[in-house]
Amino acid sequence: MIVLLAQGASMAQAAAIEAELARLGAGARRVDGNGRVAIEAQALGVPLGPAARVRLLQLAGVEDVMLP
């Protein structure tokens, strides 16, 4: 799962997204490039599914969530 942050999203918003991924049981790897930030969710057991996508889309700073 890839969480694409909105352009201009704050580092605090990115940290909140990473915290939510941890709550969902996943690790996170932040990737910066071309002025954008994406967070790769690294499932540590059960893969994250559509319900996690819906939850993440509700967070401030999230532009899109892409499932594998």
N, C-alpha and C. Protein backbone atom coordinates (compact mmCIF):
# COMPACT_ATOMS: atom_id res chain seq x y z
N MET A 1 0.85 -1.17 0.00
CA MET A 1 0.00 0.00 0.00
C MET A 1 0.90 1.23 0.00
N ILE A 2 0.54 2.20 -0.82
CA ILE A 2 1.26 3.47 -0.89
C ILE A 2 0.29 4.58 -0.52
N VAL A 3 0.70 5.42 0.42
CA VAL A 3 -0.09 6.59 0.81
C VAL A 3 0.59 7.81 0.19
N LEU A 4 -0.07 8.45 -0.75
CA LEU A 4 0.46 9.64 -1.39
C LEU A 4 -0.05 10.86 -0.64
N LEU A 5 0.88 11.66 -0.14
CA LEU A 5 0.50 12.86 0.59
C LEU A 5 0.21 14.00 -0.38
N ALA A 6 -0.69 14.85 0.01
CA ALA A 6 -1.02 16.03 -0.78
C ALA A 6 0.20 16.94 -0.84
N GLN A 7 0.35 17.62 -1.95
CA GLN A 7 1.45 18.57 -2.06
C GLN A 7 1.29 19.61 -0.96
N GLY A 8 2.36 19.87 -0.25
CA GLY A 8 2.32 20.83 0.85
C GLY A 8 1.92 20.23 2.18
N ALA A 9 1.71 18.91 2.24
CA ALA A 9 1.37 18.27 3.51
C ALA A 9 2.53 18.49 4.49
N SER A 10 2.19 18.69 5.73
CA SER A 10 3.21 18.98 6.74
C SER A 10 3.86 17.69 7.24
N MET A 11 5.01 17.86 7.87
CA MET A 11 5.69 16.71 8.47
C MET A 11 4.87 16.16 9.63
N ALA A 12 4.12 17.01 10.31
CA ALA A 12 3.25 16.56 11.39
C ALA A 12 2.14 15.65 10.82
N GLN A 13 1.61 16.02 9.66
CA GLN A 13 0.59 15.18 9.02
C GLN A 13 1.20 13.84 8.61
N ALA A 14 2.41 13.87 8.07
CA ALA A 14 3.08 12.62 7.69
C ALA A 14 3.29 11.74 8.91
N ALA A 15 3.68 12.34 10.02
CA ALA A 15 3.90 11.57 11.25
C ALA A 15 2.58 10.97 11.76
N ALA A 16 1.48 11.70 11.61
CA ALA A 16 0.17 11.18 12.02
C ALA A 16 -0.24 9.99 11.15
N ILE A 17 0.08 10.05 9.87
CA ILE A 17 -0.23 8.94 8.96
C ILE A 17 0.61 7.72 9.34
N GLU A 18 1.88 7.94 9.63
CA GLU A 18 2.74 6.84 10.05
C GLU A 18 2.24 6.23 11.36
N ALA A 19 1.76 7.06 12.26
CA ALA A 19 1.21 6.56 13.53
C ALA A 19 -0.04 5.73 13.30
N GLU A 20 -0.88 6.15 12.36
CA GLU A 20 -2.08 5.37 12.05
C GLU A 20 -1.71 4.04 11.42
N LEU A 21 -0.71 4.04 10.56
CA LEU A 21 -0.25 2.77 9.98
C LEU A 21 0.25 1.83 11.08
N ALA A 22 0.97 2.37 12.06
CA ALA A 22 1.44 1.55 13.18
C ALA A 22 0.26 1.00 13.96
N ARG A 23 -0.76 1.83 14.17
CA ARG A 23 -1.97 1.36 14.87
C ARG A 23 -2.65 0.23 14.11
N LEU A 24 -2.55 0.29 12.78
CA LEU A 24 -3.14 -0.75 11.93
C LEU A 24 -2.25 -1.99 11.82
N GLY A 25 -1.08 -1.94 12.44
CA GLY A 25 -0.19 -3.09 12.44
C GLY A 25 0.83 -3.11 11.32
N ALA A 26 1.14 -1.95 10.75
CA ALA A 26 2.08 -1.89 9.64
C ALA A 26 3.24 -0.96 9.98
N GLY A 27 4.36 -1.23 9.36
CA GLY A 27 5.48 -0.31 9.42
C GLY A 27 5.32 0.73 8.33
N ALA A 28 6.23 1.68 8.27
CA ALA A 28 6.13 2.72 7.26
C ALA A 28 7.52 3.13 6.80
N ARG A 29 7.62 3.44 5.52
CA ARG A 29 8.87 3.95 4.94
C ARG A 29 8.50 5.19 4.14
N ARG A 30 9.07 6.32 4.53
CA ARG A 30 8.77 7.59 3.88
C ARG A 30 9.70 7.77 2.67
N VAL A 31 9.12 8.18 1.54
CA VAL A 31 9.89 8.40 0.32
C VAL A 31 9.62 9.82 -0.16
N ASP A 32 10.68 10.61 -0.33
CA ASP A 32 10.57 11.99 -0.80
C ASP A 32 11.10 12.08 -2.22
N GLY A 33 10.41 12.83 -3.08
CA GLY A 33 10.91 13.05 -4.42
C GLY A 33 10.07 14.05 -5.18
N ASN A 34 10.72 14.92 -5.92
CA ASN A 34 10.04 15.92 -6.74
C ASN A 34 9.05 16.76 -5.94
N GLY A 35 9.41 17.08 -4.70
CA GLY A 35 8.54 17.92 -3.88
C GLY A 35 7.33 17.20 -3.33
N ARG A 36 7.28 15.90 -3.46
CA ARG A 36 6.14 15.10 -2.96
C ARG A 36 6.64 14.09 -1.95
N VAL A 37 5.75 13.64 -1.11
CA VAL A 37 6.07 12.60 -0.13
C VAL A 37 5.07 11.46 -0.30
N ALA A 38 5.60 10.25 -0.29
CA ALA A 38 4.76 9.05 -0.27
C ALA A 38 5.21 8.22 0.91
N ILE A 39 4.28 7.49 1.49
CA ILE A 39 4.60 6.60 2.59
C ILE A 39 4.22 5.20 2.17
N GLU A 40 5.22 4.32 2.17
CA GLU A 40 4.98 2.92 1.82
C GLU A 40 4.63 2.17 3.10
N ALA A 41 3.45 1.57 3.12
CA ALA A 41 3.04 0.77 4.27
C ALA A 41 3.66 -0.62 4.11
N GLN A 42 4.29 -1.08 5.16
CA GLN A 42 4.92 -2.39 5.16
C GLN A 42 4.19 -3.27 6.16
N ALA A 43 3.25 -4.07 5.64
CA ALA A 43 2.42 -4.92 6.50
C ALA A 43 3.31 -5.93 7.22
N LEU A 44 3.09 -6.07 8.50
CA LEU A 44 3.89 -6.96 9.32
C LEU A 44 3.12 -8.22 9.68
N GLY A 45 2.30 -8.70 8.81
CA GLY A 45 1.47 -9.87 9.07
C GLY A 45 0.34 -9.89 8.07
N VAL A 46 -0.85 -9.56 8.52
CA VAL A 46 -2.02 -9.53 7.66
C VAL A 46 -1.93 -8.30 6.76
N PRO A 47 -2.07 -8.47 5.44
CA PRO A 47 -2.02 -7.30 4.54
C PRO A 47 -3.13 -6.31 4.85
N LEU A 48 -2.83 -5.04 4.65
CA LEU A 48 -3.84 -3.99 4.83
C LEU A 48 -4.79 -4.03 3.64
N GLY A 49 -6.06 -3.86 3.89
CA GLY A 49 -7.05 -3.96 2.83
C GLY A 49 -7.87 -2.70 2.66
N PRO A 50 -9.02 -2.85 2.03
CA PRO A 50 -9.88 -1.70 1.71
C PRO A 50 -10.32 -0.89 2.93
N ALA A 51 -10.55 -1.53 4.07
CA ALA A 51 -10.97 -0.78 5.26
C ALA A 51 -9.86 0.15 5.73
N ALA A 52 -8.62 -0.31 5.66
CA ALA A 52 -7.49 0.54 6.04
C ALA A 52 -7.36 1.70 5.06
N ARG A 53 -7.61 1.44 3.78
CA ARG A 53 -7.55 2.50 2.77
C ARG A 53 -8.57 3.59 3.09
N VAL A 54 -9.78 3.20 3.43
CA VAL A 54 -10.84 4.17 3.76
C VAL A 54 -10.42 5.00 4.97
N ARG A 55 -9.87 4.35 5.99
CA ARG A 55 -9.43 5.07 7.20
C ARG A 55 -8.33 6.07 6.87
N LEU A 56 -7.34 5.64 6.09
CA LEU A 56 -6.22 6.52 5.76
C LEU A 56 -6.67 7.71 4.91
N LEU A 57 -7.62 7.51 4.02
CA LEU A 57 -8.11 8.60 3.17
C LEU A 57 -8.78 9.71 3.98
N GLN A 58 -9.20 9.39 5.21
CA GLN A 58 -9.85 10.38 6.06
C GLN A 58 -8.86 11.29 6.78
N LEU A 59 -7.58 10.93 6.75
CA LEU A 59 -6.58 11.70 7.49
C LEU A 59 -6.16 12.95 6.72
N ALA A 60 -5.89 14.01 7.46
CA ALA A 60 -5.42 15.26 6.86
C ALA A 60 -4.09 15.04 6.16
N GLY A 61 -3.96 15.59 4.97
CA GLY A 61 -2.71 15.52 4.23
C GLY A 61 -2.63 14.37 3.25
N VAL A 62 -3.64 13.48 3.25
CA VAL A 62 -3.63 12.33 2.33
C VAL A 62 -4.33 12.71 1.03
N GLU A 63 -3.64 12.50 -0.08
CA GLU A 63 -4.24 12.74 -1.38
C GLU A 63 -4.84 11.46 -1.96
N ASP A 64 -4.12 10.33 -1.81
CA ASP A 64 -4.61 9.07 -2.37
C ASP A 64 -3.94 7.93 -1.63
N VAL A 65 -4.60 6.77 -1.64
CA VAL A 65 -4.05 5.55 -1.08
C VAL A 65 -4.19 4.47 -2.13
N MET A 66 -3.06 3.90 -2.53
CA MET A 66 -3.06 2.89 -3.59
C MET A 66 -2.80 1.52 -3.02
N LEU A 67 -3.70 0.61 -3.30
CA LEU A 67 -3.54 -0.78 -2.88
C LEU A 67 -2.72 -1.53 -3.92
N PRO A 68 -2.02 -2.59 -3.48
CA PRO A 68 -1.21 -3.36 -4.46
C PRO A 68 -2.07 -4.09 -5.46
